[in-house]
């Protein structure tokens, strides 16, 4: 079974919206939507969930990670790096981090330059 089918079937069986399931899994609604599609609609790239995301999905579906990995067909999984294990305090931070990771390297550089500019402006205003 594919992850997208697993999530969608669970949601339908338990009459859950994407938003409700996302809250159970401590993931964003947008991320659940992309998992159910199997790709990021903005980039067209395949979604490869992290071990942490799969663990959250397992908990939300009242199973464990081992069971989830056994029922999924040849799933690609990204291993968490220290940067991926940051504590995210709200959905906006999650959206920013997830969005950044799905940008091309050039667009990541542009976003970081924009962020630096905004931080500099804020520092000047705070003086």
PDB file of N, CA and C in Angstrom:
ATOM      1  N   UNK A   1       0.847  -1.174   0.000  1.00  0.00           N
ATOM      2  CA  UNK A   1       0.000   0.000   0.000  1.00  0.00           C
ATOM      3  C   UNK A   1       0.894   1.239   0.000  1.00  0.00           C
ATOM      4  N   UNK A   2       0.477   2.263  -0.714  1.00  0.00           N
ATOM      5  CA  UNK A   2       1.209   3.525  -0.726  1.00  0.00           C
ATOM      6  C   UNK A   2       0.822   4.360   0.489  1.00  0.00           C
ATOM      7  N   UNK A   3       1.735   5.227   0.932  1.00  0.00           N
ATOM      8  CA  UNK A   3       1.467   6.076   2.084  1.00  0.00           C
ATOM      9  C   UNK A   3       0.225   6.931   1.852  1.00  0.00           C
ATOM     10  N   UNK A   4       0.094   7.471   0.654  1.00  0.00           N
ATOM     11  CA  UNK A   4      -1.061   8.340   0.382  1.00  0.00           C
ATOM     12  C   UNK A   4      -2.370   7.581   0.525  1.00  0.00           C
ATOM     13  N   UNK A   5      -2.386   6.324   0.109  1.00  0.00           N
ATOM     14  CA  UNK A   5      -3.586   5.494   0.248  1.00  0.00           C
ATOM     15  C   UNK A   5      -3.843   5.178   1.712  1.00  0.00           C
ATOM     16  N   UNK A   6      -2.774   4.897   2.451  1.00  0.00           N
ATOM     17  CA  UNK A   6      -2.887   4.582   3.874  1.00  0.00           C
ATOM     18  C   UNK A   6      -3.522   5.750   4.632  1.00  0.00           C
ATOM     19  N   UNK A   7      -2.994   6.952   4.408  1.00  0.00           N
ATOM     20  CA  UNK A   7      -3.514   8.127   5.116  1.00  0.00           C
ATOM     21  C   UNK A   7      -4.953   8.409   4.711  1.00  0.00           C
ATOM     22  N   UNK A   8      -5.206   8.413   3.409  1.00  0.00           N
ATOM     23  CA  UNK A   8      -6.551   8.725   2.922  1.00  0.00           C
ATOM     24  C   UNK A   8      -7.569   7.713   3.423  1.00  0.00           C
ATOM     25  N   UNK A   9      -7.225   6.443   3.390  1.00  0.00           N
ATOM     26  CA  UNK A   9      -8.139   5.394   3.867  1.00  0.00           C
ATOM     27  C   UNK A   9      -8.422   5.558   5.355  1.00  0.00           C
ATOM     28  N   UNK A  10      -7.374   5.852   6.130  1.00  0.00           N
ATOM     29  CA  UNK A  10      -7.551   6.041   7.566  1.00  0.00           C
ATOM     30  C   UNK A  10      -8.474   7.231   7.831  1.00  0.00           C
ATOM     31  N   UNK A  11      -8.217   8.326   7.126  1.00  0.00           N
ATOM     32  CA  UNK A  11      -9.053   9.515   7.331  1.00  0.00           C
ATOM     33  C   UNK A  11     -10.520   9.232   7.011  1.00  0.00           C
ATOM     34  N   UNK A  12     -10.758   8.556   5.897  1.00  0.00           N
ATOM     35  CA  UNK A  12     -12.142   8.259   5.497  1.00  0.00           C
ATOM     36  C   UNK A  12     -12.802   7.299   6.478  1.00  0.00           C
ATOM     37  N   UNK A  13     -12.064   6.284   6.884  1.00  0.00           N
ATOM     38  CA  UNK A  13     -12.615   5.289   7.819  1.00  0.00           C
ATOM     39  C   UNK A  13     -13.001   5.938   9.145  1.00  0.00           C
ATOM     40  N   UNK A  14     -12.227   6.932   9.573  1.00  0.00           N
ATOM     41  CA  UNK A  14     -12.464   7.593  10.859  1.00  0.00           C
ATOM     42  C   UNK A  14     -13.139   8.956  10.708  1.00  0.00           C
ATOM     43  N   UNK A  15     -13.601   9.243   9.490  1.00  0.00           N
ATOM     44  CA  UNK A  15     -14.337  10.484   9.198  1.00  0.00           C
ATOM     45  C   UNK A  15     -13.570  11.720   9.676  1.00  0.00           C
ATOM     46  N   UNK A  16     -12.298  11.798   9.262  1.00  0.00           N
ATOM     47  CA  UNK A  16     -11.438  12.912   9.648  1.00  0.00           C
ATOM     48  C   UNK A  16     -11.125  13.793   8.442  1.00  0.00           C
ATOM     49  N   UNK A  17     -11.134  15.087   8.652  1.00  0.00           N
ATOM     50  CA  UNK A  17     -10.674  16.005   7.613  1.00  0.00           C
ATOM     51  C   UNK A  17      -9.149  15.971   7.601  1.00  0.00           C
ATOM     52  N   UNK A  18      -8.560  16.557   6.568  1.00  0.00           N
ATOM     53  CA  UNK A  18      -7.102  16.650   6.535  1.00  0.00           C
ATOM     54  C   UNK A  18      -6.599  17.448   7.725  1.00  0.00           C
ATOM     55  N   UNK A  19      -7.307  18.520   8.041  1.00  0.00           N
ATOM     56  CA  UNK A  19      -6.892  19.358   9.165  1.00  0.00           C
ATOM     57  C   UNK A  19      -6.941  18.593  10.484  1.00  0.00           C
ATOM     58  N   UNK A  20      -7.985  17.806  10.694  1.00  0.00           N
ATOM     59  CA  UNK A  20      -8.092  17.019  11.919  1.00  0.00           C
ATOM     60  C   UNK A  20      -6.981  15.977  11.999  1.00  0.00           C
ATOM     61  N   UNK A  21      -6.731  15.305  10.867  1.00  0.00           N
ATOM     62  CA  UNK A  21      -5.665  14.306  10.855  1.00  0.00           C
ATOM     63  C   UNK A  21      -4.303  14.977  11.071  1.00  0.00           C
ATOM     64  N   UNK A  22      -4.103  16.128  10.447  1.00  0.00           N
ATOM     65  CA  UNK A  22      -2.841  16.854  10.602  1.00  0.00           C
ATOM     66  C   UNK A  22      -2.583  17.186  12.067  1.00  0.00           C
ATOM     67  N   UNK A  23      -3.614  17.609  12.781  1.00  0.00           N
ATOM     68  CA  UNK A  23      -3.456  17.913  14.204  1.00  0.00           C
ATOM     69  C   UNK A  23      -3.086  16.665  14.991  1.00  0.00           C
ATOM     70  N   UNK A  24      -3.743  15.546  14.673  1.00  0.00           N
ATOM     71  CA  UNK A  24      -3.422  14.287  15.357  1.00  0.00           C
ATOM     72  C   UNK A  24      -1.964  13.890  15.127  1.00  0.00           C
ATOM     73  N   UNK A  25      -1.480  14.163  13.914  1.00  0.00           N
ATOM     74  CA  UNK A  25      -0.118  13.763  13.537  1.00  0.00           C
ATOM     75  C   UNK A  25       0.921  14.849  13.821  1.00  0.00           C
ATOM     76  N   UNK A  26       0.487  15.979  14.362  1.00  0.00           N
ATOM     77  CA  UNK A  26       1.391  17.118  14.609  1.00  0.00           C
ATOM     78  C   UNK A  26       2.134  17.529  13.345  1.00  0.00           C
ATOM     79  N   UNK A  27       1.411  17.527  12.234  1.00  0.00           N
ATOM     80  CA  UNK A  27       1.943  17.939  10.940  1.00  0.00           C
ATOM     81  C   UNK A  27       0.995  18.992  10.368  1.00  0.00           C
ATOM     82  N   UNK A  28       1.427  19.695   9.353  1.00  0.00           N
ATOM     83  CA  UNK A  28       0.552  20.708   8.774  1.00  0.00           C
ATOM     84  C   UNK A  28      -0.447  20.070   7.807  1.00  0.00           C
ATOM     85  N   UNK A  29      -1.565  20.752   7.632  1.00  0.00           N
ATOM     86  CA  UNK A  29      -2.579  20.297   6.681  1.00  0.00           C
ATOM     87  C   UNK A  29      -1.983  20.245   5.272  1.00  0.00           C
ATOM     88  N   UNK A  30      -1.163  21.232   4.934  1.00  0.00           N
ATOM     89  CA  UNK A  30      -0.528  21.269   3.620  1.00  0.00           C
ATOM     90  C   UNK A  30       0.372  20.067   3.379  1.00  0.00           C
ATOM     91  N   UNK A  31       1.092  19.670   4.420  1.00  0.00           N
ATOM     92  CA  UNK A  31       1.987  18.519   4.295  1.00  0.00           C
ATOM     93  C   UNK A  31       1.179  17.232   4.119  1.00  0.00           C
ATOM     94  N   UNK A  32       0.083  17.100   4.865  1.00  0.00           N
ATOM     95  CA  UNK A  32      -0.775  15.920   4.716  1.00  0.00           C
ATOM     96  C   UNK A  32      -1.343  15.888   3.302  1.00  0.00           C
ATOM     97  N   UNK A  33      -1.756  17.034   2.803  1.00  0.00           N
ATOM     98  CA  UNK A  33      -2.276  17.106   1.443  1.00  0.00           C
ATOM     99  C   UNK A  33      -1.234  16.630   0.428  1.00  0.00           C
ATOM    100  N   UNK A  34       0.012  17.081   0.612  1.00  0.00           N
ATOM    101  CA  UNK A  34       1.069  16.657  -0.302  1.00  0.00           C
ATOM    102  C   UNK A  34       1.365  15.174  -0.170  1.00  0.00           C
ATOM    103  N   UNK A  35       1.320  14.647   1.054  1.00  0.00           N
ATOM    104  CA  UNK A  35       1.536  13.203   1.236  1.00  0.00           C
ATOM    105  C   UNK A  35       0.450  12.414   0.526  1.00  0.00           C
ATOM    106  N   UNK A  36      -0.790  12.897   0.605  1.00  0.00           N
ATOM    107  CA  UNK A  36      -1.881  12.193  -0.065  1.00  0.00           C
ATOM    108  C   UNK A  36      -1.771  12.308  -1.585  1.00  0.00           C
ATOM    109  N   UNK A  37      -1.215  13.388  -2.072  1.00  0.00           N
ATOM    110  CA  UNK A  37      -1.001  13.540  -3.519  1.00  0.00           C
ATOM    111  C   UNK A  37       0.232  12.761  -3.977  1.00  0.00           C
ATOM    112  N   UNK A  38       1.212  12.703  -3.080  1.00  0.00           N
ATOM    113  CA  UNK A  38       2.462  12.022  -3.424  1.00  0.00           C
ATOM    114  C   UNK A  38       3.511  12.959  -3.989  1.00  0.00           C
ATOM    115  N   UNK A  39       3.159  14.237  -4.140  1.00  0.00           N
ATOM    116  CA  UNK A  39       4.110  15.206  -4.673  1.00  0.00           C
ATOM    117  C   UNK A  39       3.755  16.608  -4.181  1.00  0.00           C
ATOM    118  N   UNK A  40       4.724  17.501  -4.305  1.00  0.00           N
ATOM    119  CA  UNK A  40       4.512  18.901  -3.962  1.00  0.00           C
ATOM    120  C   UNK A  40       3.958  19.599  -5.202  1.00  0.00           C
ATOM    121  N   UNK A  41       2.744  20.134  -5.160  1.00  0.00           N
ATOM    122  CA  UNK A  41       2.161  20.750  -6.347  1.00  0.00           C
ATOM    123  C   UNK A  41       2.904  21.999  -6.820  1.00  0.00           C
ATOM    124  N   UNK A  42       3.641  22.663  -5.934  1.00  0.00           N
ATOM    125  CA  UNK A  42       4.388  23.856  -6.335  1.00  0.00           C
ATOM    126  C   UNK A  42       5.657  23.513  -7.107  1.00  0.00           C
ATOM    127  N   UNK A  43       6.299  22.424  -6.723  1.00  0.00           N
ATOM    128  CA  UNK A  43       7.570  22.063  -7.354  1.00  0.00           C
ATOM    129  C   UNK A  43       7.454  20.853  -8.269  1.00  0.00           C
ATOM    130  N   UNK A  44       6.399  20.071  -8.074  1.00  0.00           N
ATOM    131  CA  UNK A  44       6.249  18.834  -8.843  1.00  0.00           C
ATOM    132  C   UNK A  44       7.129  17.706  -8.320  1.00  0.00           C
ATOM    133  N   UNK A  45       7.887  17.974  -7.250  1.00  0.00           N
ATOM    134  CA  UNK A  45       8.794  16.964  -6.699  1.00  0.00           C
ATOM    135  C   UNK A  45       8.025  15.955  -5.847  1.00  0.00           C
ATOM    136  N   UNK A  46       8.503  14.722  -5.897  1.00  0.00           N
ATOM    137  CA  UNK A  46       7.944  13.662  -5.065  1.00  0.00           C
ATOM    138  C   UNK A  46       8.187  13.985  -3.592  1.00  0.00           C
ATOM    139  N   UNK A  47       7.200  13.700  -2.763  1.00  0.00           N
ATOM    140  CA  UNK A  47       7.341  13.922  -1.324  1.00  0.00           C
ATOM    141  C   UNK A  47       7.968  12.681  -0.702  1.00  0.00           C
ATOM    142  N   UNK A  48       9.082  12.880  -0.013  1.00  0.00           N
ATOM    143  CA  UNK A  48       9.756  11.791   0.688  1.00  0.00           C
ATOM    144  C   UNK A  48       9.713  12.129   2.171  1.00  0.00           C
ATOM    145  N   UNK A  49       8.841  11.456   2.911  1.00  0.00           N
ATOM    146  CA  UNK A  49       8.683  11.803   4.327  1.00  0.00           C
ATOM    147  C   UNK A  49       9.895  11.400   5.161  1.00  0.00           C
ATOM    148  N   UNK A  50      10.065  12.113   6.256  1.00  0.00           N
ATOM    149  CA  UNK A  50      11.138  11.780   7.192  1.00  0.00           C
ATOM    150  C   UNK A  50      10.652  10.683   8.136  1.00  0.00           C
ATOM    151  N   UNK A  51      11.587  10.087   8.823  1.00  0.00           N
ATOM    152  CA  UNK A  51      11.249   9.090   9.840  1.00  0.00           C
ATOM    153  C   UNK A  51      10.346   9.727  10.891  1.00  0.00           C
ATOM    154  N   UNK A  52      10.647  10.973  11.272  1.00  0.00           N
ATOM    155  CA  UNK A  52       9.831  11.670  12.269  1.00  0.00           C
ATOM    156  C   UNK A  52       8.388  11.825  11.797  1.00  0.00           C
ATOM    157  N   UNK A  53       8.209  12.219  10.526  1.00  0.00           N
ATOM    158  CA  UNK A  53       6.851  12.383   9.991  1.00  0.00           C
ATOM    159  C   UNK A  53       6.118  11.043   9.977  1.00  0.00           C
ATOM    160  N   UNK A  54       6.812   9.983   9.572  1.00  0.00           N
ATOM    161  CA  UNK A  54       6.186   8.657   9.556  1.00  0.00           C
ATOM    162  C   UNK A  54       5.828   8.209  10.969  1.00  0.00           C
ATOM    163  N   UNK A  55       6.688   8.515  11.916  1.00  0.00           N
ATOM    164  CA  UNK A  55       6.402   8.166  13.308  1.00  0.00           C
ATOM    165  C   UNK A  55       5.160   8.919  13.799  1.00  0.00           C
ATOM    166  N   UNK A  56       5.048  10.189  13.438  1.00  0.00           N
ATOM    167  CA  UNK A  56       3.868  10.975  13.817  1.00  0.00           C
ATOM    168  C   UNK A  56       2.602  10.400  13.183  1.00  0.00           C
ATOM    169  N   UNK A  57       2.713   9.958  11.945  1.00  0.00           N
ATOM    170  CA  UNK A  57       1.560   9.362  11.251  1.00  0.00           C
ATOM    171  C   UNK A  57       1.177   8.048  11.916  1.00  0.00           C
ATOM    172  N   UNK A  58       2.190   7.270  12.283  1.00  0.00           N
ATOM    173  CA  UNK A  58       1.911   6.005  12.974  1.00  0.00           C
ATOM    174  C   UNK A  58       1.164   6.261  14.276  1.00  0.00           C
ATOM    175  N   UNK A  59       1.634   7.230  15.053  1.00  0.00           N
ATOM    176  CA  UNK A  59       0.964   7.554  16.320  1.00  0.00           C
ATOM    177  C   UNK A  59      -0.459   8.036  16.082  1.00  0.00           C
ATOM    178  N   UNK A  60      -0.645   8.869  15.056  1.00  0.00           N
ATOM    179  CA  UNK A  60      -1.978   9.405  14.752  1.00  0.00           C
ATOM    180  C   UNK A  60      -2.947   8.298  14.352  1.00  0.00           C
ATOM    181  N   UNK A  61      -2.416   7.243  13.752  1.00  0.00           N
ATOM    182  CA  UNK A  61      -3.259   6.130  13.316  1.00  0.00           C
ATOM    183  C   UNK A  61      -3.295   5.002  14.350  1.00  0.00           C
ATOM    184  N   UNK A  62      -2.763   5.302  15.529  1.00  0.00           N
ATOM    185  CA  UNK A  62      -2.749   4.361  16.649  1.00  0.00           C
ATOM    186  C   UNK A  62      -2.057   3.045  16.304  1.00  0.00           C
ATOM    187  N   UNK A  63      -0.958   3.178  15.559  1.00  0.00           N
ATOM    188  CA  UNK A  63      -0.100   2.033  15.248  1.00  0.00           C
ATOM    189  C   UNK A  63       1.308   2.419  15.688  1.00  0.00           C
ATOM    190  N   UNK A  64       2.278   1.642  15.288  1.00  0.00           N
ATOM    191  CA  UNK A  64       3.656   2.036  15.554  1.00  0.00           C
ATOM    192  C   UNK A  64       4.411   2.103  14.238  1.00  0.00           C
ATOM    193  N   UNK A  65       5.581   2.693  14.281  1.00  0.00           N
ATOM    194  CA  UNK A  65       6.376   2.906  13.072  1.00  0.00           C
ATOM    195  C   UNK A  65       6.703   1.595  12.381  1.00  0.00           C
ATOM    196  N   UNK A  66       7.022   0.567  13.143  1.00  0.00           N
ATOM    197  CA  UNK A  66       7.355  -0.734  12.571  1.00  0.00           C
ATOM    198  C   UNK A  66       6.194  -1.268  11.730  1.00  0.00           C
ATOM    199  N   UNK A  67       4.984  -1.205  12.265  1.00  0.00           N
ATOM    200  CA  UNK A  67       3.807  -1.666  11.523  1.00  0.00           C
ATOM    201  C   UNK A  67       3.614  -0.834  10.249  1.00  0.00           C
ATOM    202  N   UNK A  68       3.722   0.470  10.385  1.00  0.00           N
ATOM    203  CA  UNK A  68       3.515   1.341   9.234  1.00  0.00           C
ATOM    204  C   UNK A  68       4.508   1.017   8.123  1.00  0.00           C
ATOM    205  N   UNK A  69       5.773   0.846   8.475  1.00  0.00           N
ATOM    206  CA  UNK A  69       6.781   0.534   7.457  1.00  0.00           C
ATOM    207  C   UNK A  69       6.529  -0.824   6.806  1.00  0.00           C
ATOM    208  N   UNK A  70       5.952  -1.761   7.549  1.00  0.00           N
ATOM    209  CA  UNK A  70       5.653  -3.085   6.987  1.00  0.00           C
ATOM    210  C   UNK A  70       4.496  -3.045   5.997  1.00  0.00           C
ATOM    211  N   UNK A  71       3.499  -2.199   6.247  1.00  0.00           N
ATOM    212  CA  UNK A  71       2.330  -2.176   5.353  1.00  0.00           C
ATOM    213  C   UNK A  71       2.543  -1.278   4.141  1.00  0.00           C
ATOM    214  N   UNK A  72       3.570  -0.442   4.159  1.00  0.00           N
ATOM    215  CA  UNK A  72       3.825   0.445   3.029  1.00  0.00           C
ATOM    216  C   UNK A  72       4.747  -0.233   2.022  1.00  0.00           C
ATOM    217  N   UNK A  73       4.449  -0.030   0.757  1.00  0.00           N
ATOM    218  CA  UNK A  73       5.235  -0.610  -0.323  1.00  0.00           C
ATOM    219  C   UNK A  73       6.452   0.246  -0.636  1.00  0.00           C
ATOM    220  N   UNK A  74       7.625  -0.318  -0.478  1.00  0.00           N
ATOM    221  CA  UNK A  74       8.868   0.320  -0.915  1.00  0.00           C
ATOM    222  C   UNK A  74       8.886   1.831  -0.752  1.00  0.00           C
ATOM    223  N   UNK A  75       8.624   2.298   0.441  1.00  0.00           N
ATOM    224  CA  UNK A  75       8.585   3.740   0.674  1.00  0.00           C
ATOM    225  C   UNK A  75       9.989   4.301   0.806  1.00  0.00           C
ATOM    226  N   UNK A  76      10.205   5.450   0.168  1.00  0.00           N
ATOM    227  CA  UNK A  76      11.458   6.172   0.348  1.00  0.00           C
ATOM    228  C   UNK A  76      11.314   7.015   1.606  1.00  0.00           C
ATOM    229  N   UNK A  77      12.355   7.025   2.418  1.00  0.00           N
ATOM    230  CA  UNK A  77      12.324   7.768   3.667  1.00  0.00           C
ATOM    231  C   UNK A  77      13.586   8.601   3.765  1.00  0.00           C
ATOM    232  N   UNK A  78      13.423   9.860   4.175  1.00  0.00           N
ATOM    233  CA  UNK A  78      14.612  10.674   4.427  1.00  0.00           C
ATOM    234  C   UNK A  78      14.950  10.563   5.898  1.00  0.00           C
ATOM    235  N   UNK A  79      16.233  10.458   6.180  1.00  0.00           N
ATOM    236  CA  UNK A  79      16.676  10.383   7.566  1.00  0.00           C
ATOM    237  C   UNK A  79      16.761  11.785   8.123  1.00  0.00           C
ATOM    238  N   UNK A  80      16.338  11.946   9.363  1.00  0.00           N
ATOM    239  CA  UNK A  80      16.374  13.259   9.991  1.00  0.00           C
ATOM    240  C   UNK A  80      17.813  13.695  10.192  1.00  0.00           C
ATOM    241  N   UNK A  81      18.065  14.950   9.901  1.00  0.00           N
ATOM    242  CA  UNK A  81      19.352  15.553  10.225  1.00  0.00           C
ATOM    243  C   UNK A  81      19.131  16.449  11.434  1.00  0.00           C
ATOM    244  N   UNK A  82      20.188  16.922  12.082  1.00  0.00           N
ATOM    245  CA  UNK A  82      19.982  17.809  13.228  1.00  0.00           C
ATOM    246  C   UNK A  82      19.098  19.005  12.891  1.00  0.00           C
ATOM    247  N   UNK A  83      19.252  19.561  11.694  1.00  0.00           N
ATOM    248  CA  UNK A  83      18.435  20.716  11.319  1.00  0.00           C
ATOM    249  C   UNK A  83      16.965  20.329  11.205  1.00  0.00           C
ATOM    250  N   UNK A  84      16.672  19.098  10.813  1.00  0.00           N
ATOM    251  CA  UNK A  84      15.289  18.677  10.659  1.00  0.00           C
ATOM    252  C   UNK A  84      14.630  18.394  11.998  1.00  0.00           C
ATOM    253  N   UNK A  85      15.422  18.227  13.042  1.00  0.00           N
ATOM    254  CA  UNK A  85      14.830  17.920  14.326  1.00  0.00           C
ATOM    255  C   UNK A  85      14.617  19.164  15.182  1.00  0.00           C
ATOM    256  N   UNK A  86      14.636  20.334  14.547  1.00  0.00           N
ATOM    257  CA  UNK A  86      14.354  21.565  15.270  1.00  0.00           C
ATOM    258  C   UNK A  86      12.966  21.503  15.882  1.00  0.00           C
ATOM    259  N   UNK A  87      12.803  22.172  16.997  1.00  0.00           N
ATOM    260  CA  UNK A  87      11.483  22.240  17.606  1.00  0.00           C
ATOM    261  C   UNK A  87      10.710  23.338  16.899  1.00  0.00           C
ATOM    262  N   UNK A  88       9.620  22.962  16.284  1.00  0.00           N
ATOM    263  CA  UNK A  88       8.785  23.902  15.548  1.00  0.00           C
ATOM    264  C   UNK A  88       7.620  24.263  16.458  1.00  0.00           C
ATOM    265  N   UNK A  89       7.451  25.558  16.693  1.00  0.00           N
ATOM    266  CA  UNK A  89       6.468  25.979  17.677  1.00  0.00           C
ATOM    267  C   UNK A  89       5.094  26.284  17.106  1.00  0.00           C
ATOM    268  N   UNK A  90       4.995  26.467  15.781  1.00  0.00           N
ATOM    269  CA  UNK A  90       3.678  26.727  15.201  1.00  0.00           C
ATOM    270  C   UNK A  90       3.652  26.338  13.733  1.00  0.00           C
ATOM    271  N   UNK A  91       2.466  26.378  13.166  1.00  0.00           N
ATOM    272  CA  UNK A  91       2.272  25.931  11.786  1.00  0.00           C
ATOM    273  C   UNK A  91       2.993  26.840  10.794  1.00  0.00           C
ATOM    274  N   UNK A  92       3.111  28.136  11.105  1.00  0.00           N
ATOM    275  CA  UNK A  92       3.810  29.045  10.209  1.00  0.00           C
ATOM    276  C   UNK A  92       5.289  28.681  10.106  1.00  0.00           C
ATOM    277  N   UNK A  93       5.911  28.359  11.232  1.00  0.00           N
ATOM    278  CA  UNK A  93       7.315  27.956  11.198  1.00  0.00           C
ATOM    279  C   UNK A  93       7.479  26.677  10.397  1.00  0.00           C
ATOM    280  N   UNK A  94       6.568  25.734  10.589  1.00  0.00           N
ATOM    281  CA  UNK A  94       6.633  24.484   9.838  1.00  0.00           C
ATOM    282  C   UNK A  94       6.493  24.752   8.342  1.00  0.00           C
ATOM    283  N   UNK A  95       5.574  25.623   7.991  1.00  0.00           N
ATOM    284  CA  UNK A  95       5.354  25.952   6.578  1.00  0.00           C
ATOM    285  C   UNK A  95       6.596  26.609   5.978  1.00  0.00           C
ATOM    286  N   UNK A  96       7.236  27.509   6.739  1.00  0.00           N
ATOM    287  CA  UNK A  96       8.451  28.164   6.256  1.00  0.00           C
ATOM    288  C   UNK A  96       9.572  27.164   6.025  1.00  0.00           C
ATOM    289  N   UNK A  97       9.796  26.297   6.998  1.00  0.00           N
ATOM    290  CA  UNK A  97      10.876  25.317   6.873  1.00  0.00           C
ATOM    291  C   UNK A  97      10.594  24.347   5.734  1.00  0.00           C
ATOM    292  N   UNK A  98       9.372  23.848   5.676  1.00  0.00           N
ATOM    293  CA  UNK A  98       9.022  22.906   4.615  1.00  0.00           C
ATOM    294  C   UNK A  98       9.127  23.574   3.249  1.00  0.00           C
ATOM    295  N   UNK A  99       8.640  24.815   3.151  1.00  0.00           N
ATOM    296  CA  UNK A  99       8.721  25.549   1.887  1.00  0.00           C
ATOM    297  C   UNK A  99      10.156  25.769   1.462  1.00  0.00           C
ATOM    298  N   UNK A 100      11.002  26.169   2.404  1.00  0.00           N
ATOM    299  CA  UNK A 100      12.415  26.402   2.107  1.00  0.00           C
ATOM    300  C   UNK A 100      13.074  25.139   1.553  1.00  0.00           C
ATOM    301  N   UNK A 101      12.805  24.022   2.193  1.00  0.00           N
ATOM    302  CA  UNK A 101      13.425  22.757   1.774  1.00  0.00           C
ATOM    303  C   UNK A 101      12.992  22.337   0.372  1.00  0.00           C
ATOM    304  N   UNK A 102      11.862  22.822  -0.084  1.00  0.00           N
ATOM    305  CA  UNK A 102      11.365  22.434  -1.399  1.00  0.00           C
ATOM    306  C   UNK A 102      11.691  23.443  -2.493  1.00  0.00           C
ATOM    307  N   UNK A 103      12.426  24.495  -2.142  1.00  0.00           N
ATOM    308  CA  UNK A 103      12.861  25.470  -3.135  1.00  0.00           C
ATOM    309  C   UNK A 103      14.125  24.977  -3.837  1.00  0.00           C
ATOM    310  N   UNK A 104      14.346  25.488  -5.031  1.00  0.00           N
ATOM    311  CA  UNK A 104      15.607  25.204  -5.721  1.00  0.00           C
ATOM    312  C   UNK A 104      16.734  25.909  -4.968  1.00  0.00           C
ATOM    313  N   UNK A 105      17.978  25.476  -5.137  1.00  0.00           N
ATOM    314  CA  UNK A 105      19.088  26.142  -4.445  1.00  0.00           C
ATOM    315  C   UNK A 105      19.142  27.647  -4.716  1.00  0.00           C
ATOM    316  N   UNK A 106      18.880  28.049  -5.951  1.00  0.00           N
ATOM    317  CA  UNK A 106      18.885  29.475  -6.293  1.00  0.00           C
ATOM    318  C   UNK A 106      17.805  30.218  -5.512  1.00  0.00           C
ATOM    319  N   UNK A 107      16.616  29.665  -5.461  1.00  0.00           N
ATOM    320  CA  UNK A 107      15.524  30.308  -4.731  1.00  0.00           C
ATOM    321  C   UNK A 107      15.777  30.309  -3.230  1.00  0.00           C
ATOM    322  N   UNK A 108      16.462  29.293  -2.711  1.00  0.00           N
ATOM    323  CA  UNK A 108      16.834  29.282  -1.299  1.00  0.00           C
ATOM    324  C   UNK A 108      17.776  30.455  -1.001  1.00  0.00           C
ATOM    325  N   UNK A 109      18.746  30.677  -1.884  1.00  0.00           N
ATOM    326  CA  UNK A 109      19.688  31.788  -1.709  1.00  0.00           C
ATOM    327  C   UNK A 109      18.956  33.118  -1.721  1.00  0.00           C
ATOM    328  N   UNK A 110      18.017  33.274  -2.656  1.00  0.00           N
ATOM    329  CA  UNK A 110      17.248  34.517  -2.739  1.00  0.00           C
ATOM    330  C   UNK A 110      16.416  34.736  -1.476  1.00  0.00           C
ATOM    331  N   UNK A 111      15.820  33.672  -0.964  1.00  0.00           N
ATOM    332  CA  UNK A 111      15.017  33.782   0.253  1.00  0.00           C
ATOM    333  C   UNK A 111      15.884  34.170   1.441  1.00  0.00           C
ATOM    334  N   UNK A 112      17.061  33.570   1.547  1.00  0.00           N
ATOM    335  CA  UNK A 112      17.974  33.914   2.642  1.00  0.00           C
ATOM    336  C   UNK A 112      18.448  35.360   2.542  1.00  0.00           C
ATOM    337  N   UNK A 113      18.707  35.843   1.315  1.00  0.00           N
ATOM    338  CA  UNK A 113      19.111  37.235   1.122  1.00  0.00           C
ATOM    339  C   UNK A 113      17.982  38.171   1.543  1.00  0.00           C
ATOM    340  N   UNK A 114      16.753  37.813   1.201  1.00  0.00           N
ATOM    341  CA  UNK A 114      15.593  38.612   1.596  1.00  0.00           C
ATOM    342  C   UNK A 114      15.446  38.630   3.121  1.00  0.00           C
ATOM    343  N   UNK A 115      15.629  37.484   3.743  1.00  0.00           N
ATOM    344  CA  UNK A 115      15.539  37.386   5.196  1.00  0.00           C
ATOM    345  C   UNK A 115      16.607  38.259   5.862  1.00  0.00           C
ATOM    346  N   UNK A 116      17.839  38.195   5.339  1.00  0.00           N
ATOM    347  CA  UNK A 116      18.910  39.033   5.883  1.00  0.00           C
ATOM    348  C   UNK A 116      18.559  40.515   5.780  1.00  0.00           C
ATOM    349  N   UNK A 117      17.995  40.914   4.634  1.00  0.00           N
ATOM    350  CA  UNK A 117      17.603  42.303   4.431  1.00  0.00           C
ATOM    351  C   UNK A 117      16.535  42.714   5.452  1.00  0.00           C
ATOM    352  N   UNK A 118      15.516  41.861   5.645  1.00  0.00           N
ATOM    353  CA  UNK A 118      14.443  42.172   6.597  1.00  0.00           C
ATOM    354  C   UNK A 118      14.984  42.253   8.022  1.00  0.00           C
ATOM    355  N   UNK A 119      15.894  41.368   8.383  1.00  0.00           N
ATOM    356  CA  UNK A 119      16.483  41.406   9.723  1.00  0.00           C
ATOM    357  C   UNK A 119      17.306  42.677   9.939  1.00  0.00           C
ATOM    358  N   UNK A 120      18.035  43.079   8.914  1.00  0.00           N
ATOM    359  CA  UNK A 120      18.820  44.316   9.008  1.00  0.00           C
ATOM    360  C   UNK A 120      17.916  45.524   9.190  1.00  0.00           C
ATOM    361  N   UNK A 121      16.836  45.566   8.430  1.00  0.00           N
ATOM    362  CA  UNK A 121      15.889  46.669   8.563  1.00  0.00           C
ATOM    363  C   UNK A 121      15.274  46.705   9.957  1.00  0.00           C
ATOM    364  N   UNK A 122      14.949  45.541  10.484  1.00  0.00           N
ATOM    365  CA  UNK A 122      14.357  45.480  11.815  1.00  0.00           C
ATOM    366  C   UNK A 122      15.356  45.956  12.872  1.00  0.00           C
ATOM    367  N   UNK A 123      16.608  45.551  12.739  1.00  0.00           N
ATOM    368  CA  UNK A 123      17.634  45.974  13.688  1.00  0.00           C
ATOM    369  C   UNK A 123      17.771  47.500  13.701  1.00  0.00           C
ATOM    370  N   UNK A 124      17.729  48.120  12.502  1.00  0.00           N
ATOM    371  CA  UNK A 124      17.824  49.570  12.412  1.00  0.00           C
ATOM    372  C   UNK A 124      16.622  50.242  13.059  1.00  0.00           C
ATOM    373  N   UNK A 125      15.451  49.646  12.893  1.00  0.00           N
ATOM    374  CA  UNK A 125      14.232  50.210  13.484  1.00  0.00           C
ATOM    375  C   UNK A 125      14.243  50.079  14.997  1.00  0.00           C
ATOM    376  N   UNK A 126      14.869  49.008  15.492  1.00  0.00           N
ATOM    377  CA  UNK A 126      14.902  48.770  16.939  1.00  0.00           C
ATOM    378  C   UNK A 126      15.870  49.694  17.665  1.00  0.00           C
ATOM    379  N   UNK A 127      16.780  50.325  16.927  1.00  0.00           N
ATOM    380  CA  UNK A 127      17.777  51.207  17.580  1.00  0.00           C
ATOM    381  C   UNK A 127      17.194  52.493  18.038  1.00  0.00           C
TER     382      UNK A 127
END
